[in-house]
C-alpha cells in the first residue's frame, strides 16, 4: 500500500460515511486522479467497497 493509499483510506474512515473521490481529494489536498487511482488499488486489496454508485467506504 502506498502513502497515498493510506491517506485516502484514513480520510474515508474519518468521514464516517460513504464518500466520493472528489470529497476525499478536497479533504486531503490530493489530486482527484490520484485519489481515484488509490481507490482502485484499495478496491483490488479488498480494503474499500462501493455501497452505491460513485461512493466508496472502508470495507468491514
PDB file of N, CA and C in Angstrom:
ATOM      1  N   UNK A   1       0.846  -1.185   0.000  1.00  0.00           N
ATOM      2  CA  UNK A   1       0.000   0.000   0.000  1.00  0.00           C
ATOM      3  C   UNK A   1       0.891   1.249   0.000  1.00  0.00           C
ATOM      4  N   UNK A   2       0.546   2.220  -0.811  1.00  0.00           N
ATOM      5  CA  UNK A   2       1.340   3.442  -0.899  1.00  0.00           C
ATOM      6  C   UNK A   2       0.901   4.452   0.159  1.00  0.00           C
ATOM      7  N   UNK A   3       1.686   5.514   0.290  1.00  0.00           N
ATOM      8  CA  UNK A   3       1.341   6.573   1.237  1.00  0.00           C
ATOM      9  C   UNK A   3       0.019   7.233   0.835  1.00  0.00           C
ATOM     10  N   UNK A   4      -0.185   7.399  -0.460  1.00  0.00           N
ATOM     11  CA  UNK A   4      -1.442   7.991  -0.943  1.00  0.00           C
ATOM     12  C   UNK A   4      -2.614   7.080  -0.589  1.00  0.00           C
ATOM     13  N   UNK A   5      -2.439   5.759  -0.776  1.00  0.00           N
ATOM     14  CA  UNK A   5      -3.488   4.804  -0.404  1.00  0.00           C
ATOM     15  C   UNK A   5      -3.840   4.966   1.071  1.00  0.00           C
ATOM     16  N   UNK A   6      -2.813   5.092   1.917  1.00  0.00           N
ATOM     17  CA  UNK A   6      -3.029   5.266   3.359  1.00  0.00           C
ATOM     18  C   UNK A   6      -3.818   6.535   3.651  1.00  0.00           C
ATOM     19  N   UNK A   7      -3.446   7.629   2.987  1.00  0.00           N
ATOM     20  CA  UNK A   7      -4.141   8.904   3.195  1.00  0.00           C
ATOM     21  C   UNK A   7      -5.607   8.797   2.794  1.00  0.00           C
ATOM     22  N   UNK A   8      -5.850   8.156   1.657  1.00  0.00           N
ATOM     23  CA  UNK A   8      -7.219   8.019   1.151  1.00  0.00           C
ATOM     24  C   UNK A   8      -8.049   7.163   2.099  1.00  0.00           C
ATOM     25  N   UNK A   9      -7.502   6.046   2.542  1.00  0.00           N
ATOM     26  CA  UNK A   9      -8.227   5.162   3.455  1.00  0.00           C
ATOM     27  C   UNK A   9      -8.516   5.868   4.775  1.00  0.00           C
ATOM     28  N   UNK A  10      -7.551   6.619   5.300  1.00  0.00           N
ATOM     29  CA  UNK A  10      -7.751   7.352   6.551  1.00  0.00           C
ATOM     30  C   UNK A  10      -8.857   8.400   6.385  1.00  0.00           C
ATOM     31  N   UNK A  11      -8.849   9.112   5.263  1.00  0.00           N
ATOM     32  CA  UNK A  11      -9.880  10.129   5.015  1.00  0.00           C
ATOM     33  C   UNK A  11     -11.264   9.496   4.958  1.00  0.00           C
ATOM     34  N   UNK A  12     -11.358   8.308   4.352  1.00  0.00           N
ATOM     35  CA  UNK A  12     -12.644   7.604   4.288  1.00  0.00           C
ATOM     36  C   UNK A  12     -13.112   7.204   5.684  1.00  0.00           C
ATOM     37  N   UNK A  13     -12.191   6.687   6.487  1.00  0.00           N
ATOM     38  CA  UNK A  13     -12.549   6.285   7.854  1.00  0.00           C
ATOM     39  C   UNK A  13     -12.972   7.497   8.672  1.00  0.00           C
ATOM     40  N   UNK A  14     -12.236   8.602   8.528  1.00  0.00           N
ATOM     41  CA  UNK A  14     -12.549   9.823   9.275  1.00  0.00           C
ATOM     42  C   UNK A  14     -13.908  10.399   8.885  1.00  0.00           C
ATOM     43  N   UNK A  15     -14.296  10.233   7.620  1.00  0.00           N
ATOM     44  CA  UNK A  15     -15.581  10.769   7.152  1.00  0.00           C
ATOM     45  C   UNK A  15     -16.752  10.066   7.834  1.00  0.00           C
ATOM     46  N   UNK A  16     -16.604   8.783   8.109  1.00  0.00           N
ATOM     47  CA  UNK A  16     -17.652   8.045   8.799  1.00  0.00           C
ATOM     48  C   UNK A  16     -18.874   7.729   7.954  1.00  0.00           C
ATOM     49  N   UNK A  17     -18.783   7.974   6.659  1.00  0.00           N
ATOM     50  CA  UNK A  17     -19.892   7.675   5.745  1.00  0.00           C
ATOM     51  C   UNK A  17     -19.296   7.472   4.359  1.00  0.00           C
ATOM     52  N   UNK A  18     -20.036   6.863   3.445  1.00  0.00           N
ATOM     53  CA  UNK A  18     -19.522   6.705   2.082  1.00  0.00           C
ATOM     54  C   UNK A  18     -19.226   8.069   1.450  1.00  0.00           C
ATOM     55  N   UNK A  19     -18.100   8.158   0.755  1.00  0.00           N
ATOM     56  CA  UNK A  19     -17.669   9.418   0.156  1.00  0.00           C
ATOM     57  C   UNK A  19     -17.344   9.247  -1.322  1.00  0.00           C
ATOM     58  N   UNK A  20     -17.362  10.352  -2.036  1.00  0.00           N
ATOM     59  CA  UNK A  20     -16.971  10.367  -3.445  1.00  0.00           C
ATOM     60  C   UNK A  20     -15.484  10.700  -3.540  1.00  0.00           C
ATOM     61  N   UNK A  21     -14.832  10.311  -4.621  1.00  0.00           N
ATOM     62  CA  UNK A  21     -13.411  10.648  -4.782  1.00  0.00           C
ATOM     63  C   UNK A  21     -13.140  12.147  -4.641  1.00  0.00           C
ATOM     64  N   UNK A  22     -14.046  12.976  -5.140  1.00  0.00           N
ATOM     65  CA  UNK A  22     -13.867  14.421  -5.025  1.00  0.00           C
ATOM     66  C   UNK A  22     -13.876  14.900  -3.585  1.00  0.00           C
ATOM     67  N   UNK A  23     -14.690  14.256  -2.747  1.00  0.00           N
ATOM     68  CA  UNK A  23     -14.730  14.604  -1.322  1.00  0.00           C
ATOM     69  C   UNK A  23     -13.397  14.281  -0.657  1.00  0.00           C
ATOM     70  N   UNK A  24     -12.852  13.108  -1.005  1.00  0.00           N
ATOM     71  CA  UNK A  24     -11.565  12.689  -0.437  1.00  0.00           C
ATOM     72  C   UNK A  24     -10.463  13.635  -0.915  1.00  0.00           C
ATOM     73  N   UNK A  25     -10.493  14.005  -2.184  1.00  0.00           N
ATOM     74  CA  UNK A  25      -9.490  14.927  -2.725  1.00  0.00           C
ATOM     75  C   UNK A  25      -9.538  16.266  -1.989  1.00  0.00           C
ATOM     76  N   UNK A  26     -10.738  16.762  -1.743  1.00  0.00           N
ATOM     77  CA  UNK A  26     -10.892  18.042  -1.052  1.00  0.00           C
ATOM     78  C   UNK A  26     -10.387  17.973   0.386  1.00  0.00           C
ATOM     79  N   UNK A  27     -10.657  16.871   1.069  1.00  0.00           N
ATOM     80  CA  UNK A  27     -10.263  16.772   2.478  1.00  0.00           C
ATOM     81  C   UNK A  27      -8.780  16.467   2.666  1.00  0.00           C
ATOM     82  N   UNK A  28      -8.141  15.875   1.650  1.00  0.00           N
ATOM     83  CA  UNK A  28      -6.724  15.516   1.780  1.00  0.00           C
ATOM     84  C   UNK A  28      -5.794  16.471   1.050  1.00  0.00           C
ATOM     85  N   UNK A  29      -6.335  17.242   0.110  1.00  0.00           N
ATOM     86  CA  UNK A  29      -5.493  18.113  -0.698  1.00  0.00           C
ATOM     87  C   UNK A  29      -4.820  17.387  -1.854  1.00  0.00           C
ATOM     88  N   UNK A  30      -5.169  16.120  -2.046  1.00  0.00           N
ATOM     89  CA  UNK A  30      -4.610  15.334  -3.144  1.00  0.00           C
ATOM     90  C   UNK A  30      -5.368  15.623  -4.434  1.00  0.00           C
ATOM     91  N   UNK A  31      -4.740  15.323  -5.553  1.00  0.00           N
ATOM     92  CA  UNK A  31      -5.382  15.449  -6.855  1.00  0.00           C
ATOM     93  C   UNK A  31      -6.463  14.380  -6.991  1.00  0.00           C
ATOM     94  N   UNK A  32      -7.583  14.738  -7.620  1.00  0.00           N
ATOM     95  CA  UNK A  32      -8.702  13.798  -7.761  1.00  0.00           C
ATOM     96  C   UNK A  32      -8.285  12.529  -8.511  1.00  0.00           C
ATOM     97  N   UNK A  33      -7.427  12.669  -9.522  1.00  0.00           N
ATOM     98  CA  UNK A  33      -6.963  11.493 -10.270  1.00  0.00           C
ATOM     99  C   UNK A  33      -6.132  10.562  -9.390  1.00  0.00           C
ATOM    100  N   UNK A  34      -5.302  11.160  -8.508  1.00  0.00           N
ATOM    101  CA  UNK A  34      -4.516  10.350  -7.562  1.00  0.00           C
ATOM    102  C   UNK A  34      -5.445   9.575  -6.632  1.00  0.00           C
ATOM    103  N   UNK A  35      -6.485  10.260  -6.167  1.00  0.00           N
ATOM    104  CA  UNK A  35      -7.449   9.631  -5.265  1.00  0.00           C
ATOM    105  C   UNK A  35      -8.157   8.475  -5.967  1.00  0.00           C
ATOM    106  N   UNK A  36      -8.586   8.686  -7.193  1.00  0.00           N
ATOM    107  CA  UNK A  36      -9.273   7.628  -7.946  1.00  0.00           C
ATOM    108  C   UNK A  36      -8.370   6.417  -8.146  1.00  0.00           C
ATOM    109  N   UNK A  37      -7.107   6.660  -8.454  1.00  0.00           N
ATOM    110  CA  UNK A  37      -6.148   5.564  -8.633  1.00  0.00           C
ATOM    111  C   UNK A  37      -5.955   4.810  -7.315  1.00  0.00           C
ATOM    112  N   UNK A  38      -5.837   5.549  -6.211  1.00  0.00           N
ATOM    113  CA  UNK A  38      -5.668   4.921  -4.899  1.00  0.00           C
ATOM    114  C   UNK A  38      -6.895   4.083  -4.540  1.00  0.00           C
ATOM    115  N   UNK A  39      -8.084   4.582  -4.849  1.00  0.00           N
ATOM    116  CA  UNK A  39      -9.315   3.840  -4.563  1.00  0.00           C
ATOM    117  C   UNK A  39      -9.322   2.524  -5.334  1.00  0.00           C
ATOM    118  N   UNK A  40      -8.891   2.553  -6.585  1.00  0.00           N
ATOM    119  CA  UNK A  40      -8.837   1.312  -7.370  1.00  0.00           C
ATOM    120  C   UNK A  40      -7.838   0.327  -6.764  1.00  0.00           C
ATOM    121  N   UNK A  41      -6.689   0.830  -6.304  1.00  0.00           N
ATOM    122  CA  UNK A  41      -5.713  -0.036  -5.629  1.00  0.00           C
ATOM    123  C   UNK A  41      -6.319  -0.649  -4.369  1.00  0.00           C
ATOM    124  N   UNK A  42      -6.992   0.186  -3.578  1.00  0.00           N
ATOM    125  CA  UNK A  42      -7.599  -0.286  -2.330  1.00  0.00           C
ATOM    126  C   UNK A  42      -8.717  -1.287  -2.610  1.00  0.00           C
ATOM    127  N   UNK A  43      -9.454  -1.070  -3.698  1.00  0.00           N
ATOM    128  CA  UNK A  43     -10.528  -1.997  -4.081  1.00  0.00           C
ATOM    129  C   UNK A  43      -9.946  -3.373  -4.405  1.00  0.00           C
ATOM    130  N   UNK A  44      -8.853  -3.389  -5.159  1.00  0.00           N
ATOM    131  CA  UNK A  44      -8.201  -4.660  -5.515  1.00  0.00           C
ATOM    132  C   UNK A  44      -7.723  -5.411  -4.276  1.00  0.00           C
ATOM    133  N   UNK A  45      -7.342  -4.665  -3.245  1.00  0.00           N
ATOM    134  CA  UNK A  45      -6.865  -5.263  -1.998  1.00  0.00           C
ATOM    135  C   UNK A  45      -8.009  -5.623  -1.053  1.00  0.00           C
ATOM    136  N   UNK A  46      -9.238  -5.273  -1.427  1.00  0.00           N
ATOM    137  CA  UNK A  46     -10.390  -5.575  -0.586  1.00  0.00           C
ATOM    138  C   UNK A  46     -10.539  -4.656   0.608  1.00  0.00           C
ATOM    139  N   UNK A  47      -9.907  -3.484   0.562  1.00  0.00           N
ATOM    140  CA  UNK A  47      -9.945  -2.571   1.703  1.00  0.00           C
ATOM    141  C   UNK A  47     -11.069  -1.549   1.626  1.00  0.00           C
ATOM    142  N   UNK A  48     -11.647  -1.369   0.426  1.00  0.00           N
ATOM    143  CA  UNK A  48     -12.786  -0.459   0.282  1.00  0.00           C
ATOM    144  C   UNK A  48     -13.885  -1.143  -0.523  1.00  0.00           C
ATOM    145  N   UNK A  49     -15.097  -0.662  -0.297  1.00  0.00           N
ATOM    146  CA  UNK A  49     -16.258  -1.167  -1.031  1.00  0.00           C
ATOM    147  C   UNK A  49     -17.043   0.024  -1.574  1.00  0.00           C
ATOM    148  N   UNK A  50     -17.903  -0.253  -2.534  1.00  0.00           N
ATOM    149  CA  UNK A  50     -18.764   0.783  -3.086  1.00  0.00           C
ATOM    150  C   UNK A  50     -20.210   0.435  -2.741  1.00  0.00           C
ATOM    151  N   UNK A  51     -20.747   1.039  -1.660  1.00  0.00           N
ATOM    152  CA  UNK A  51     -22.123   0.726  -1.263  1.00  0.00           C
ATOM    153  C   UNK A  51     -23.160   1.246  -2.253  1.00  0.00           C
ATOM    154  N   UNK A  52     -22.819   2.294  -2.992  1.00  0.00           N
ATOM    155  CA  UNK A  52     -23.691   2.785  -4.060  1.00  0.00           C
ATOM    156  C   UNK A  52     -22.820   3.456  -5.109  1.00  0.00           C
ATOM    157  N   UNK A  53     -23.355   3.598  -6.298  1.00  0.00           N
ATOM    158  CA  UNK A  53     -22.582   4.105  -7.435  1.00  0.00           C
ATOM    159  C   UNK A  53     -21.856   5.413  -7.108  1.00  0.00           C
ATOM    160  N   UNK A  54     -20.554   5.425  -7.402  1.00  0.00           N
ATOM    161  CA  UNK A  54     -19.688   6.601  -7.241  1.00  0.00           C
ATOM    162  C   UNK A  54     -19.360   6.952  -5.787  1.00  0.00           C
ATOM    163  N   UNK A  55     -19.754   6.132  -4.852  1.00  0.00           N
ATOM    164  CA  UNK A  55     -19.431   6.361  -3.448  1.00  0.00           C
ATOM    165  C   UNK A  55     -18.592   5.199  -2.935  1.00  0.00           C
ATOM    166  N   UNK A  56     -17.661   5.501  -2.049  1.00  0.00           N
ATOM    167  CA  UNK A  56     -16.744   4.489  -1.520  1.00  0.00           C
ATOM    168  C   UNK A  56     -16.672   4.580  -0.006  1.00  0.00           C
ATOM    169  N   UNK A  57     -16.424   3.437   0.619  1.00  0.00           N
ATOM    170  CA  UNK A  57     -16.307   3.370   2.074  1.00  0.00           C
ATOM    171  C   UNK A  57     -15.312   2.270   2.432  1.00  0.00           C
ATOM    172  N   UNK A  58     -14.695   2.369   3.615  1.00  0.00           N
ATOM    173  CA  UNK A  58     -13.792   1.296   4.046  1.00  0.00           C
ATOM    174  C   UNK A  58     -14.552  -0.022   4.171  1.00  0.00           C
ATOM    175  N   UNK A  59     -13.919  -1.114   3.804  1.00  0.00           N
ATOM    176  CA  UNK A  59     -14.537  -2.441   3.948  1.00  0.00           C
ATOM    177  C   UNK A  59     -14.524  -2.836   5.418  1.00  0.00           C
ATOM    178  N   UNK A  60     -15.577  -3.555   5.824  1.00  0.00           N
ATOM    179  CA  UNK A  60     -15.618  -4.079   7.189  1.00  0.00           C
ATOM    180  C   UNK A  60     -15.957  -3.048   8.141  1.00  0.00           C
TER     181      UNK A  60
END
